[in-house]
Amino acid sequence: MGEMPKKVVATVCSARRHGNCREIAERILERLREKGAETELLLTVDYEISPCNRCNYECFHEEESCPIKDDVPIIWEKMREADGIIFVIPEYYGLPPAIFKAIIERAQGILRWKTRELRDLEDVWRNKPIIAIVIANGGGKMIMEYLGHLLRGADIILGTYLIHKIRNDRIRERTGRSA
């Protein structure tokens, strides 16, 4: 992967403010700060995020013309400005949460055009190191396949953490024994 990124943004795509996803992201960011990186934690729960909804496809007619006024452009700009990106995504019934999907879908109305039909989603992470972690109870295989396709063009590391392992670690930290 090369040298340590100077600025790393971790996007936690969970509806829970203090859940497993945040805990994993904070641990990784702490290690990166120890190595000299500037870090930022983006909790999607702190942002107003709306899915594509009832528009007239303005995003296909004019550059950067999404009619929805929310915080999704801020999230994309923070990821674009970062030298490295971390996604921490929970698995809900084998799929990523709607909030993650909304952020990805909304890129078509926010990012610059690659062709008349396609926004340049890869421009945000092209040649950047990306860590994508799925917090899963059932393995996260479908999400990992989706992320592998979505994040093409990046230097990517994919990983799945099973929820029961995290819970055991928490119990061990508190009590000194496993569940």
Foldseek 3Di string as FASTA:
>chain_A
DDDQWQEEEEEEADLDPDDPLVVVVVVVVVVSVVVNHHYYYHYLNVWDFDADDDDPPVLLVDALDRPDDICLLVVLVSLQPTLEYEYEFEADPLETDPRVVRSVRCQSNHAGCPDSHDHPLQSSAAAGEYEYEYAYQPANVVVQVVCVVSNPRHNYDYYYDYPQVVVQVVCCVVPVGGD
